[in-house]
């Protein structure tokens, strides 16, 4: 089920944006695969990375990929929750509106 009509995968926070991500390690390429609503009702940004989920490699690849895609410094992208889980919460420092617009564009979500 697509969550594109409800882009709650990201929400503004004090110093930027909080993003809920469903990470697929060993995904063949680094890419954003859109927004999806999970069975429990949460909306997530689907991201795949080439890196394996060993020794934090997939998490590091995720953070680096988001920083590069959003054109923010790597220090602005932080893993807040889900270190060993597939569902993760990431905080990205910066202008929340600009970051949300960029994520909408990259994920194919129509701006309201």
PDB file of N, CA and C in Angstrom:
ATOM      1  N   UNK A   1       0.846  -1.179   0.000  1.00  0.00           N
ATOM      2  CA  UNK A   1       0.000   0.000   0.000  1.00  0.00           C
ATOM      3  C   UNK A   1       0.879   1.226   0.000  1.00  0.00           C
ATOM      4  N   UNK A   2       0.575   2.165  -0.823  1.00  0.00           N
ATOM      5  CA  UNK A   2       1.380   3.376  -0.936  1.00  0.00           C
ATOM      6  C   UNK A   2       0.972   4.379   0.124  1.00  0.00           C
ATOM      7  N   UNK A   3       1.967   5.044   0.706  1.00  0.00           N
ATOM      8  CA  UNK A   3       1.696   6.088   1.673  1.00  0.00           C
ATOM      9  C   UNK A   3       1.923   7.457   1.079  1.00  0.00           C
ATOM     10  N   UNK A   4       1.975   7.542  -0.240  1.00  0.00           N
ATOM     11  CA  UNK A   4       2.296   8.800  -0.894  1.00  0.00           C
ATOM     12  C   UNK A   4       1.286   9.891  -0.591  1.00  0.00           C
ATOM     13  N   UNK A   5       0.056   9.509  -0.225  1.00  0.00           N
ATOM     14  CA  UNK A   5      -0.938  10.530   0.086  1.00  0.00           C
ATOM     15  C   UNK A   5      -0.794  11.038   1.520  1.00  0.00           C
ATOM     16  N   UNK A   6       0.091  10.452   2.308  1.00  0.00           N
ATOM     17  CA  UNK A   6       0.300  10.851   3.693  1.00  0.00           C
ATOM     18  C   UNK A   6       1.798  10.865   3.983  1.00  0.00           C
ATOM     19  N   UNK A   7       2.486  11.955   3.643  1.00  0.00           N
ATOM     20  CA  UNK A   7       3.942  11.973   3.797  1.00  0.00           C
ATOM     21  C   UNK A   7       4.398  12.164   5.236  1.00  0.00           C
ATOM     22  N   UNK A   8       3.796  11.428   6.167  1.00  0.00           N
ATOM     23  CA  UNK A   8       4.188  11.530   7.564  1.00  0.00           C
ATOM     24  C   UNK A   8       5.454  10.733   7.853  1.00  0.00           C
ATOM     25  N   UNK A   9       6.140  10.283   6.819  1.00  0.00           N
ATOM     26  CA  UNK A   9       7.413   9.599   7.029  1.00  0.00           C
ATOM     27  C   UNK A   9       8.440  10.586   7.560  1.00  0.00           C
ATOM     28  N   UNK A  10       8.177  11.880   7.356  1.00  0.00           N
ATOM     29  CA  UNK A  10       9.069  12.904   7.901  1.00  0.00           C
ATOM     30  C   UNK A  10       8.233  13.997   8.550  1.00  0.00           C
ATOM     31  N   UNK A  11       8.763  14.517   9.655  1.00  0.00           N
ATOM     32  CA  UNK A  11       8.084  15.580  10.385  1.00  0.00           C
ATOM     33  C   UNK A  11       9.114  16.594  10.859  1.00  0.00           C
ATOM     34  N   UNK A  12       8.714  17.860  10.917  1.00  0.00           N
ATOM     35  CA  UNK A  12       9.642  18.885  11.410  1.00  0.00           C
ATOM     36  C   UNK A  12       9.953  18.661  12.889  1.00  0.00           C
ATOM     37  N   UNK A  13      11.190  18.895  13.250  1.00  0.00           N
ATOM     38  CA  UNK A  13      11.614  18.897  14.649  1.00  0.00           C
ATOM     39  C   UNK A  13      12.345  20.205  14.887  1.00  0.00           C
ATOM     40  N   UNK A  14      12.780  20.430  16.084  1.00  0.00           N
ATOM     41  CA  UNK A  14      13.357  21.712  16.489  1.00  0.00           C
ATOM     42  C   UNK A  14      14.434  22.244  15.536  1.00  0.00           C
ATOM     43  N   UNK A  15      15.361  21.392  15.151  1.00  0.00           N
ATOM     44  CA  UNK A  15      16.481  21.854  14.340  1.00  0.00           C
ATOM     45  C   UNK A  15      16.535  21.224  12.958  1.00  0.00           C
ATOM     46  N   UNK A  16      15.410  20.736  12.462  1.00  0.00           N
ATOM     47  CA  UNK A  16      15.432  20.116  11.142  1.00  0.00           C
ATOM     48  C   UNK A  16      14.252  19.210  10.901  1.00  0.00           C
ATOM     49  N   UNK A  17      14.550  17.962  10.539  1.00  0.00           N
ATOM     50  CA  UNK A  17      13.513  17.021  10.145  1.00  0.00           C
ATOM     51  C   UNK A  17      13.809  15.661  10.762  1.00  0.00           C
ATOM     52  N   UNK A  18      12.757  14.984  11.208  1.00  0.00           N
ATOM     53  CA  UNK A  18      12.859  13.612  11.678  1.00  0.00           C
ATOM     54  C   UNK A  18      12.242  12.728  10.601  1.00  0.00           C
ATOM     55  N   UNK A  19      12.961  11.681  10.207  1.00  0.00           N
ATOM     56  CA  UNK A  19      12.523  10.819   9.112  1.00  0.00           C
ATOM     57  C   UNK A  19      12.481   9.376   9.594  1.00  0.00           C
ATOM     58  N   UNK A  20      11.368   8.690   9.335  1.00  0.00           N
ATOM     59  CA  UNK A  20      11.266   7.266   9.619  1.00  0.00           C
ATOM     60  C   UNK A  20      11.585   6.520   8.330  1.00  0.00           C
ATOM     61  N   UNK A  21      12.572   5.631   8.405  1.00  0.00           N
ATOM     62  CA  UNK A  21      13.093   4.938   7.226  1.00  0.00           C
ATOM     63  C   UNK A  21      12.946   3.432   7.394  1.00  0.00           C
ATOM     64  N   UNK A  22      12.553   2.770   6.310  1.00  0.00           N
ATOM     65  CA  UNK A  22      12.663   1.311   6.249  1.00  0.00           C
ATOM     66  C   UNK A  22      13.855   1.018   5.341  1.00  0.00           C
ATOM     67  N   UNK A  23      14.918   0.496   5.936  1.00  0.00           N
ATOM     68  CA  UNK A  23      16.168   0.269   5.212  1.00  0.00           C
ATOM     69  C   UNK A  23      16.243  -1.155   4.686  1.00  0.00           C
ATOM     70  N   UNK A  24      16.640  -1.277   3.425  1.00  0.00           N
ATOM     71  CA  UNK A  24      16.910  -2.580   2.826  1.00  0.00           C
ATOM     72  C   UNK A  24      18.399  -2.645   2.504  1.00  0.00           C
ATOM     73  N   UNK A  25      19.178  -3.362   3.344  1.00  0.00           N
ATOM     74  CA  UNK A  25      20.598  -3.525   3.037  1.00  0.00           C
ATOM     75  C   UNK A  25      20.770  -4.526   1.896  1.00  0.00           C
ATOM     76  N   UNK A  26      21.932  -4.506   1.269  1.00  0.00           N
ATOM     77  CA  UNK A  26      22.213  -5.369   0.119  1.00  0.00           C
ATOM     78  C   UNK A  26      21.128  -5.208  -0.951  1.00  0.00           C
ATOM     79  N   UNK A  27      20.722  -3.971  -1.174  1.00  0.00           N
ATOM     80  CA  UNK A  27      19.629  -3.690  -2.100  1.00  0.00           C
ATOM     81  C   UNK A  27      20.049  -3.560  -3.547  1.00  0.00           C
ATOM     82  N   UNK A  28      21.298  -3.804  -3.852  1.00  0.00           N
ATOM     83  CA  UNK A  28      21.770  -3.754  -5.230  1.00  0.00           C
ATOM     84  C   UNK A  28      22.219  -2.376  -5.686  1.00  0.00           C
ATOM     85  N   UNK A  29      21.653  -1.351  -5.103  1.00  0.00           N
ATOM     86  CA  UNK A  29      22.042   0.031  -5.424  1.00  0.00           C
ATOM     87  C   UNK A  29      21.594   0.912  -4.271  1.00  0.00           C
ATOM     88  N   UNK A  30      22.114   2.123  -4.219  1.00  0.00           N
ATOM     89  CA  UNK A  30      21.679   3.097  -3.225  1.00  0.00           C
ATOM     90  C   UNK A  30      20.555   3.909  -3.850  1.00  0.00           C
ATOM     91  N   UNK A  31      19.357   3.851  -3.259  1.00  0.00           N
ATOM     92  CA  UNK A  31      18.216   4.532  -3.871  1.00  0.00           C
ATOM     93  C   UNK A  31      17.089   4.740  -2.868  1.00  0.00           C
ATOM     94  N   UNK A  32      16.295   5.761  -3.149  1.00  0.00           N
ATOM     95  CA  UNK A  32      15.047   5.987  -2.431  1.00  0.00           C
ATOM     96  C   UNK A  32      13.949   5.352  -3.279  1.00  0.00           C
ATOM     97  N   UNK A  33      13.179   4.457  -2.668  1.00  0.00           N
ATOM     98  CA  UNK A  33      12.151   3.718  -3.392  1.00  0.00           C
ATOM     99  C   UNK A  33      10.741   4.214  -3.099  1.00  0.00           C
ATOM    100  N   UNK A  34      10.608   5.403  -2.565  1.00  0.00           N
ATOM    101  CA  UNK A  34       9.282   5.965  -2.322  1.00  0.00           C
ATOM    102  C   UNK A  34       8.877   5.928  -0.865  1.00  0.00           C
ATOM    103  N   UNK A  35       7.591   6.126  -0.665  1.00  0.00           N
ATOM    104  CA  UNK A  35       6.999   6.163   0.672  1.00  0.00           C
ATOM    105  C   UNK A  35       5.984   5.032   0.746  1.00  0.00           C
ATOM    106  N   UNK A  36       5.915   4.393   1.916  1.00  0.00           N
ATOM    107  CA  UNK A  36       5.008   3.257   2.072  1.00  0.00           C
ATOM    108  C   UNK A  36       4.369   3.300   3.451  1.00  0.00           C
ATOM    109  N   UNK A  37       3.118   2.864   3.523  1.00  0.00           N
ATOM    110  CA  UNK A  37       2.452   2.717   4.817  1.00  0.00           C
ATOM    111  C   UNK A  37       2.577   1.259   5.248  1.00  0.00           C
ATOM    112  N   UNK A  38       3.095   1.045   6.442  1.00  0.00           N
ATOM    113  CA  UNK A  38       3.268  -0.300   6.973  1.00  0.00           C
ATOM    114  C   UNK A  38       1.953  -0.828   7.530  1.00  0.00           C
ATOM    115  N   UNK A  39       1.893  -2.122   7.792  1.00  0.00           N
ATOM    116  CA  UNK A  39       0.683  -2.756   8.327  1.00  0.00           C
ATOM    117  C   UNK A  39       0.267  -2.150   9.667  1.00  0.00           C
ATOM    118  N   UNK A  40       1.240  -1.651  10.449  1.00  0.00           N
ATOM    119  CA  UNK A  40       0.916  -1.061  11.752  1.00  0.00           C
ATOM    120  C   UNK A  40       0.484   0.404  11.647  1.00  0.00           C
ATOM    121  N   UNK A  41       0.393   0.932  10.405  1.00  0.00           N
ATOM    122  CA  UNK A  41      -0.087   2.293  10.201  1.00  0.00           C
ATOM    123  C   UNK A  41       0.999   3.341  10.058  1.00  0.00           C
ATOM    124  N   UNK A  42       2.237   2.995  10.392  1.00  0.00           N
ATOM    125  CA  UNK A  42       3.326   3.956  10.250  1.00  0.00           C
ATOM    126  C   UNK A  42       3.648   4.163   8.774  1.00  0.00           C
ATOM    127  N   UNK A  43       4.052   5.374   8.451  1.00  0.00           N
ATOM    128  CA  UNK A  43       4.493   5.693   7.100  1.00  0.00           C
ATOM    129  C   UNK A  43       6.005   5.821   7.127  1.00  0.00           C
ATOM    130  N   UNK A  44       6.656   5.175   6.163  1.00  0.00           N
ATOM    131  CA  UNK A  44       8.122   5.152   6.132  1.00  0.00           C
ATOM    132  C   UNK A  44       8.633   5.562   4.758  1.00  0.00           C
ATOM    133  N   UNK A  45       9.841   6.084   4.752  1.00  0.00           N
ATOM    134  CA  UNK A  45      10.573   6.345   3.527  1.00  0.00           C
ATOM    135  C   UNK A  45      11.386   5.090   3.240  1.00  0.00           C
ATOM    136  N   UNK A  46      11.160   4.469   2.095  1.00  0.00           N
ATOM    137  CA  UNK A  46      11.869   3.231   1.746  1.00  0.00           C
ATOM    138  C   UNK A  46      13.197   3.584   1.081  1.00  0.00           C
ATOM    139  N   UNK A  47      14.271   3.083   1.676  1.00  0.00           N
ATOM    140  CA  UNK A  47      15.612   3.323   1.135  1.00  0.00           C
ATOM    141  C   UNK A  47      16.355   2.001   1.069  1.00  0.00           C
ATOM    142  N   UNK A  48      17.079   1.812  -0.024  1.00  0.00           N
ATOM    143  CA  UNK A  48      17.944   0.637  -0.155  1.00  0.00           C
ATOM    144  C   UNK A  48      19.387   1.102  -0.298  1.00  0.00           C
ATOM    145  N   UNK A  49      20.290   0.289   0.243  1.00  0.00           N
ATOM    146  CA  UNK A  49      21.721   0.567   0.088  1.00  0.00           C
ATOM    147  C   UNK A  49      22.427  -0.717  -0.332  1.00  0.00           C
ATOM    148  N   UNK A  50      23.563  -0.567  -0.986  1.00  0.00           N
ATOM    149  CA  UNK A  50      24.358  -1.728  -1.416  1.00  0.00           C
ATOM    150  C   UNK A  50      25.037  -2.421  -0.244  1.00  0.00           C
ATOM    151  N   UNK A  51      25.351  -1.679   0.788  1.00  0.00           N
ATOM    152  CA  UNK A  51      26.142  -2.206   1.908  1.00  0.00           C
ATOM    153  C   UNK A  51      25.417  -3.320   2.660  1.00  0.00           C
ATOM    154  N   UNK A  52      26.212  -4.204   3.232  1.00  0.00           N
ATOM    155  CA  UNK A  52      25.682  -5.303   4.046  1.00  0.00           C
ATOM    156  C   UNK A  52      25.391  -4.811   5.465  1.00  0.00           C
ATOM    157  N   UNK A  53      24.463  -5.496   6.136  1.00  0.00           N
ATOM    158  CA  UNK A  53      24.118  -5.080   7.505  1.00  0.00           C
ATOM    159  C   UNK A  53      25.082  -5.642   8.548  1.00  0.00           C
ATOM    160  N   UNK A  54      26.366  -5.497   8.319  1.00  0.00           N
ATOM    161  CA  UNK A  54      27.359  -5.987   9.267  1.00  0.00           C
ATOM    162  C   UNK A  54      28.240  -4.840   9.735  1.00  0.00           C
ATOM    163  N   UNK A  55      28.542  -4.868  11.003  1.00  0.00           N
ATOM    164  CA  UNK A  55      29.434  -3.868  11.608  1.00  0.00           C
ATOM    165  C   UNK A  55      28.997  -2.434  11.333  1.00  0.00           C
ATOM    166  N   UNK A  56      27.697  -2.202  11.219  1.00  0.00           N
ATOM    167  CA  UNK A  56      27.182  -0.852  11.016  1.00  0.00           C
ATOM    168  C   UNK A  56      27.370  -0.304   9.612  1.00  0.00           C
ATOM    169  N   UNK A  57      27.800  -1.147   8.674  1.00  0.00           N
ATOM    170  CA  UNK A  57      28.055  -0.668   7.308  1.00  0.00           C
ATOM    171  C   UNK A  57      26.802  -0.136   6.621  1.00  0.00           C
ATOM    172  N   UNK A  58      25.682  -0.835   6.781  1.00  0.00           N
ATOM    173  CA  UNK A  58      24.442  -0.382   6.131  1.00  0.00           C
ATOM    174  C   UNK A  58      23.965   0.937   6.739  1.00  0.00           C
ATOM    175  N   UNK A  59      24.086   1.074   8.055  1.00  0.00           N
ATOM    176  CA  UNK A  59      23.693   2.333   8.699  1.00  0.00           C
ATOM    177  C   UNK A  59      24.563   3.489   8.217  1.00  0.00           C
ATOM    178  N   UNK A  60      25.860   3.257   8.131  1.00  0.00           N
ATOM    179  CA  UNK A  60      26.774   4.304   7.655  1.00  0.00           C
ATOM    180  C   UNK A  60      26.457   4.669   6.206  1.00  0.00           C
ATOM    181  N   UNK A  61      26.156   3.660   5.395  1.00  0.00           N
ATOM    182  CA  UNK A  61      25.802   3.921   3.992  1.00  0.00           C
ATOM    183  C   UNK A  61      24.501   4.710   3.895  1.00  0.00           C
ATOM    184  N   UNK A  62      23.539   4.385   4.758  1.00  0.00           N
ATOM    185  CA  UNK A  62      22.269   5.110   4.783  1.00  0.00           C
ATOM    186  C   UNK A  62      22.494   6.582   5.109  1.00  0.00           C
ATOM    187  N   UNK A  63      23.244   6.858   6.152  1.00  0.00           N
ATOM    188  CA  UNK A  63      23.490   8.245   6.560  1.00  0.00           C
ATOM    189  C   UNK A  63      24.237   9.018   5.474  1.00  0.00           C
ATOM    190  N   UNK A  64      25.247   8.376   4.890  1.00  0.00           N
ATOM    191  CA  UNK A  64      26.014   9.034   3.822  1.00  0.00           C
ATOM    192  C   UNK A  64      25.138   9.286   2.593  1.00  0.00           C
ATOM    193  N   UNK A  65      24.290   8.324   2.254  1.00  0.00           N
ATOM    194  CA  UNK A  65      23.403   8.468   1.098  1.00  0.00           C
ATOM    195  C   UNK A  65      22.412   9.613   1.310  1.00  0.00           C
ATOM    196  N   UNK A  66      21.824   9.693   2.506  1.00  0.00           N
ATOM    197  CA  UNK A  66      20.887  10.784   2.783  1.00  0.00           C
ATOM    198  C   UNK A  66      21.589  12.139   2.732  1.00  0.00           C
ATOM    199  N   UNK A  67      22.777  12.223   3.325  1.00  0.00           N
ATOM    200  CA  UNK A  67      23.519  13.492   3.303  1.00  0.00           C
ATOM    201  C   UNK A  67      23.802  13.922   1.868  1.00  0.00           C
ATOM    202  N   UNK A  68      24.266  13.000   1.058  1.00  0.00           N
ATOM    203  CA  UNK A  68      24.583  13.324  -0.332  1.00  0.00           C
ATOM    204  C   UNK A  68      23.319  13.700  -1.109  1.00  0.00           C
ATOM    205  N   UNK A  69      22.253  12.923  -0.938  1.00  0.00           N
ATOM    206  CA  UNK A  69      21.007  13.169  -1.674  1.00  0.00           C
ATOM    207  C   UNK A  69      20.385  14.510  -1.315  1.00  0.00           C
ATOM    208  N   UNK A  70      20.487  14.886  -0.031  1.00  0.00           N
ATOM    209  CA  UNK A  70      19.871  16.127   0.439  1.00  0.00           C
ATOM    210  C   UNK A  70      20.854  17.302   0.422  1.00  0.00           C
ATOM    211  N   UNK A  71      22.085  17.018   0.028  1.00  0.00           N
ATOM    212  CA  UNK A  71      23.119  18.057  -0.058  1.00  0.00           C
ATOM    213  C   UNK A  71      23.321  18.788   1.276  1.00  0.00           C
ATOM    214  N   UNK A  72      23.449  17.978   2.328  1.00  0.00           N
ATOM    215  CA  UNK A  72      23.749  18.519   3.656  1.00  0.00           C
ATOM    216  C   UNK A  72      25.048  17.884   4.133  1.00  0.00           C
ATOM    217  N   UNK A  73      25.741  18.512   5.078  1.00  0.00           N
ATOM    218  CA  UNK A  73      26.961  17.898   5.614  1.00  0.00           C
ATOM    219  C   UNK A  73      26.645  16.574   6.300  1.00  0.00           C
ATOM    220  N   UNK A  74      27.543  15.634   6.236  1.00  0.00           N
ATOM    221  CA  UNK A  74      27.309  14.328   6.851  1.00  0.00           C
ATOM    222  C   UNK A  74      27.044  14.442   8.351  1.00  0.00           C
ATOM    223  N   UNK A  75      27.630  15.445   8.997  1.00  0.00           N
ATOM    224  CA  UNK A  75      27.406  15.616  10.443  1.00  0.00           C
ATOM    225  C   UNK A  75      25.968  16.045  10.756  1.00  0.00           C
ATOM    226  N   UNK A  76      25.208  16.481   9.745  1.00  0.00           N
ATOM    227  CA  UNK A  76      23.823  16.915   9.948  1.00  0.00           C
ATOM    228  C   UNK A  76      22.843  15.746   9.960  1.00  0.00           C
ATOM    229  N   UNK A  77      23.306  14.552   9.604  1.00  0.00           N
ATOM    230  CA  UNK A  77      22.430  13.376   9.512  1.00  0.00           C
ATOM    231  C   UNK A  77      22.808  12.400  10.622  1.00  0.00           C
ATOM    232  N   UNK A  78      21.840  12.124  11.513  1.00  0.00           N
ATOM    233  CA  UNK A  78      22.107  11.318  12.697  1.00  0.00           C
ATOM    234  C   UNK A  78      21.088  10.190  12.838  1.00  0.00           C
ATOM    235  N   UNK A  79      21.575   8.998  13.157  1.00  0.00           N
ATOM    236  CA  UNK A  79      20.708   7.871  13.471  1.00  0.00           C
ATOM    237  C   UNK A  79      20.273   8.011  14.925  1.00  0.00           C
ATOM    238  N   UNK A  80      18.963   8.168  15.138  1.00  0.00           N
ATOM    239  CA  UNK A  80      18.440   8.405  16.483  1.00  0.00           C
ATOM    240  C   UNK A  80      17.911   7.118  17.110  1.00  0.00           C
ATOM    241  N   UNK A  81      17.311   6.254  16.300  1.00  0.00           N
ATOM    242  CA  UNK A  81      16.737   5.006  16.816  1.00  0.00           C
ATOM    243  C   UNK A  81      16.766   3.953  15.717  1.00  0.00           C
ATOM    244  N   UNK A  82      16.873   2.685  16.146  1.00  0.00           N
ATOM    245  CA  UNK A  82      16.809   1.582  15.202  1.00  0.00           C
ATOM    246  C   UNK A  82      18.164   1.103  14.713  1.00  0.00           C
ATOM    247  N   UNK A  83      19.175   1.230  15.528  1.00  0.00           N
ATOM    248  CA  UNK A  83      20.532   0.853  15.128  1.00  0.00           C
ATOM    249  C   UNK A  83      20.597  -0.547  14.522  1.00  0.00           C
ATOM    250  N   UNK A  84      19.900  -1.506  15.116  1.00  0.00           N
ATOM    251  CA  UNK A  84      19.939  -2.881  14.606  1.00  0.00           C
ATOM    252  C   UNK A  84      18.619  -3.312  13.986  1.00  0.00           C
ATOM    253  N   UNK A  85      17.680  -2.399  13.857  1.00  0.00           N
ATOM    254  CA  UNK A  85      16.369  -2.726  13.295  1.00  0.00           C
ATOM    255  C   UNK A  85      16.275  -2.287  11.842  1.00  0.00           C
ATOM    256  N   UNK A  86      15.307  -2.820  11.153  1.00  0.00           N
ATOM    257  CA  UNK A  86      15.082  -2.418   9.764  1.00  0.00           C
ATOM    258  C   UNK A  86      14.414  -1.040   9.685  1.00  0.00           C
ATOM    259  N   UNK A  87      13.550  -0.733  10.669  1.00  0.00           N
ATOM    260  CA  UNK A  87      12.893   0.574  10.744  1.00  0.00           C
ATOM    261  C   UNK A  87      13.758   1.472  11.617  1.00  0.00           C
ATOM    262  N   UNK A  88      14.122   2.626  11.070  1.00  0.00           N
ATOM    263  CA  UNK A  88      15.045   3.532  11.751  1.00  0.00           C
ATOM    264  C   UNK A  88      14.471   4.939  11.800  1.00  0.00           C
ATOM    265  N   UNK A  89      14.897   5.700  12.788  1.00  0.00           N
ATOM    266  CA  UNK A  89      14.545   7.121  12.842  1.00  0.00           C
ATOM    267  C   UNK A  89      15.825   7.920  12.687  1.00  0.00           C
ATOM    268  N   UNK A  90      15.792   8.813  11.707  1.00  0.00           N
ATOM    269  CA  UNK A  90      16.943   9.640  11.366  1.00  0.00           C
ATOM    270  C   UNK A  90      16.564  11.093  11.601  1.00  0.00           C
ATOM    271  N   UNK A  91      17.473  11.874  12.165  1.00  0.00           N
ATOM    272  CA  UNK A  91      17.264  13.312  12.256  1.00  0.00           C
ATOM    273  C   UNK A  91      18.254  14.009  11.343  1.00  0.00           C
ATOM    274  N   UNK A  92      17.728  14.985  10.598  1.00  0.00           N
ATOM    275  CA  UNK A  92      18.540  15.724   9.648  1.00  0.00           C
ATOM    276  C   UNK A  92      18.475  17.193  10.021  1.00  0.00           C
ATOM    277  N   UNK A  93      19.608  17.777  10.308  1.00  0.00           N
ATOM    278  CA  UNK A  93      19.669  19.176  10.691  1.00  0.00           C
ATOM    279  C   UNK A  93      19.609  20.089   9.481  1.00  0.00           C
ATOM    280  N   UNK A  94      18.890  21.184   9.640  1.00  0.00           N
ATOM    281  CA  UNK A  94      18.787  22.159   8.557  1.00  0.00           C
ATOM    282  C   UNK A  94      17.397  22.758   8.497  1.00  0.00           C
ATOM    283  N   UNK A  95      17.108  23.421   7.395  1.00  0.00           N
ATOM    284  CA  UNK A  95      15.812  24.044   7.171  1.00  0.00           C
ATOM    285  C   UNK A  95      14.776  22.958   6.895  1.00  0.00           C
ATOM    286  N   UNK A  96      13.856  22.753   7.840  1.00  0.00           N
ATOM    287  CA  UNK A  96      12.885  21.659   7.745  1.00  0.00           C
ATOM    288  C   UNK A  96      12.066  21.730   6.465  1.00  0.00           C
ATOM    289  N   UNK A  97      11.658  22.916   6.065  1.00  0.00           N
ATOM    290  CA  UNK A  97      10.837  23.067   4.854  1.00  0.00           C
ATOM    291  C   UNK A  97      11.607  22.646   3.601  1.00  0.00           C
ATOM    292  N   UNK A  98      12.846  23.112   3.490  1.00  0.00           N
ATOM    293  CA  UNK A  98      13.671  22.755   2.331  1.00  0.00           C
ATOM    294  C   UNK A  98      13.973  21.257   2.313  1.00  0.00           C
ATOM    295  N   UNK A  99      14.255  20.680   3.480  1.00  0.00           N
ATOM    296  CA  UNK A  99      14.523  19.247   3.560  1.00  0.00           C
ATOM    297  C   UNK A  99      13.285  18.439   3.190  1.00  0.00           C
ATOM    298  N   UNK A 100      12.119  18.859   3.693  1.00  0.00           N
ATOM    299  CA  UNK A 100      10.873  18.154   3.372  1.00  0.00           C
ATOM    300  C   UNK A 100      10.574  18.233   1.879  1.00  0.00           C
ATOM    301  N   UNK A 101      10.790  19.395   1.292  1.00  0.00           N
ATOM    302  CA  UNK A 101      10.578  19.542  -0.158  1.00  0.00           C
ATOM    303  C   UNK A 101      11.510  18.629  -0.941  1.00  0.00           C
ATOM    304  N   UNK A 102      12.761  18.555  -0.513  1.00  0.00           N
ATOM    305  CA  UNK A 102      13.733  17.703  -1.204  1.00  0.00           C
ATOM    306  C   UNK A 102      13.355  16.229  -1.072  1.00  0.00           C
ATOM    307  N   UNK A 103      12.935  15.805   0.127  1.00  0.00           N
ATOM    308  CA  UNK A 103      12.525  14.409   0.313  1.00  0.00           C
ATOM    309  C   UNK A 103      11.287  14.089  -0.519  1.00  0.00           C
ATOM    310  N   UNK A 104      10.351  15.015  -0.576  1.00  0.00           N
ATOM    311  CA  UNK A 104       9.156  14.800  -1.394  1.00  0.00           C
ATOM    312  C   UNK A 104       9.544  14.611  -2.855  1.00  0.00           C
ATOM    313  N   UNK A 105      10.438  15.446  -3.336  1.00  0.00           N
ATOM    314  CA  UNK A 105      10.883  15.344  -4.728  1.00  0.00           C
ATOM    315  C   UNK A 105      11.606  14.023  -4.970  1.00  0.00           C
ATOM    316  N   UNK A 106      12.519  13.654  -4.079  1.00  0.00           N
ATOM    317  CA  UNK A 106      13.315  12.441  -4.251  1.00  0.00           C
ATOM    318  C   UNK A 106      12.483  11.166  -4.135  1.00  0.00           C
ATOM    319  N   UNK A 107      11.413  11.220  -3.342  1.00  0.00           N
ATOM    320  CA  UNK A 107      10.602  10.021  -3.115  1.00  0.00           C
ATOM    321  C   UNK A 107       9.381   9.942  -4.018  1.00  0.00           C
ATOM    322  N   UNK A 108       9.135  11.004  -4.783  1.00  0.00           N
ATOM    323  CA  UNK A 108       7.996  10.989  -5.687  1.00  0.00           C
ATOM    324  C   UNK A 108       6.681  11.382  -5.040  1.00  0.00           C
ATOM    325  N   UNK A 109       6.736  11.937  -3.835  1.00  0.00           N
ATOM    326  CA  UNK A 109       5.517  12.389  -3.152  1.00  0.00           C
ATOM    327  C   UNK A 109       5.116  13.741  -3.726  1.00  0.00           C
ATOM    328  N   UNK A 110       3.860  13.901  -4.051  1.00  0.00           N
ATOM    329  CA  UNK A 110       3.367  15.165  -4.583  1.00  0.00           C
ATOM    330  C   UNK A 110       3.279  16.196  -3.467  1.00  0.00           C
ATOM    331  N   UNK A 111       3.816  17.381  -3.704  1.00  0.00           N
ATOM    332  CA  UNK A 111       3.744  18.464  -2.719  1.00  0.00           C
ATOM    333  C   UNK A 111       2.311  18.939  -2.606  1.00  0.00           C
ATOM    334  N   UNK A 112       1.910  19.244  -1.369  1.00  0.00           N
ATOM    335  CA  UNK A 112       0.529  19.697  -1.137  1.00  0.00           C
ATOM    336  C   UNK A 112       0.372  21.155  -1.460  1.00  0.00           C
TER     337      UNK A 112
END
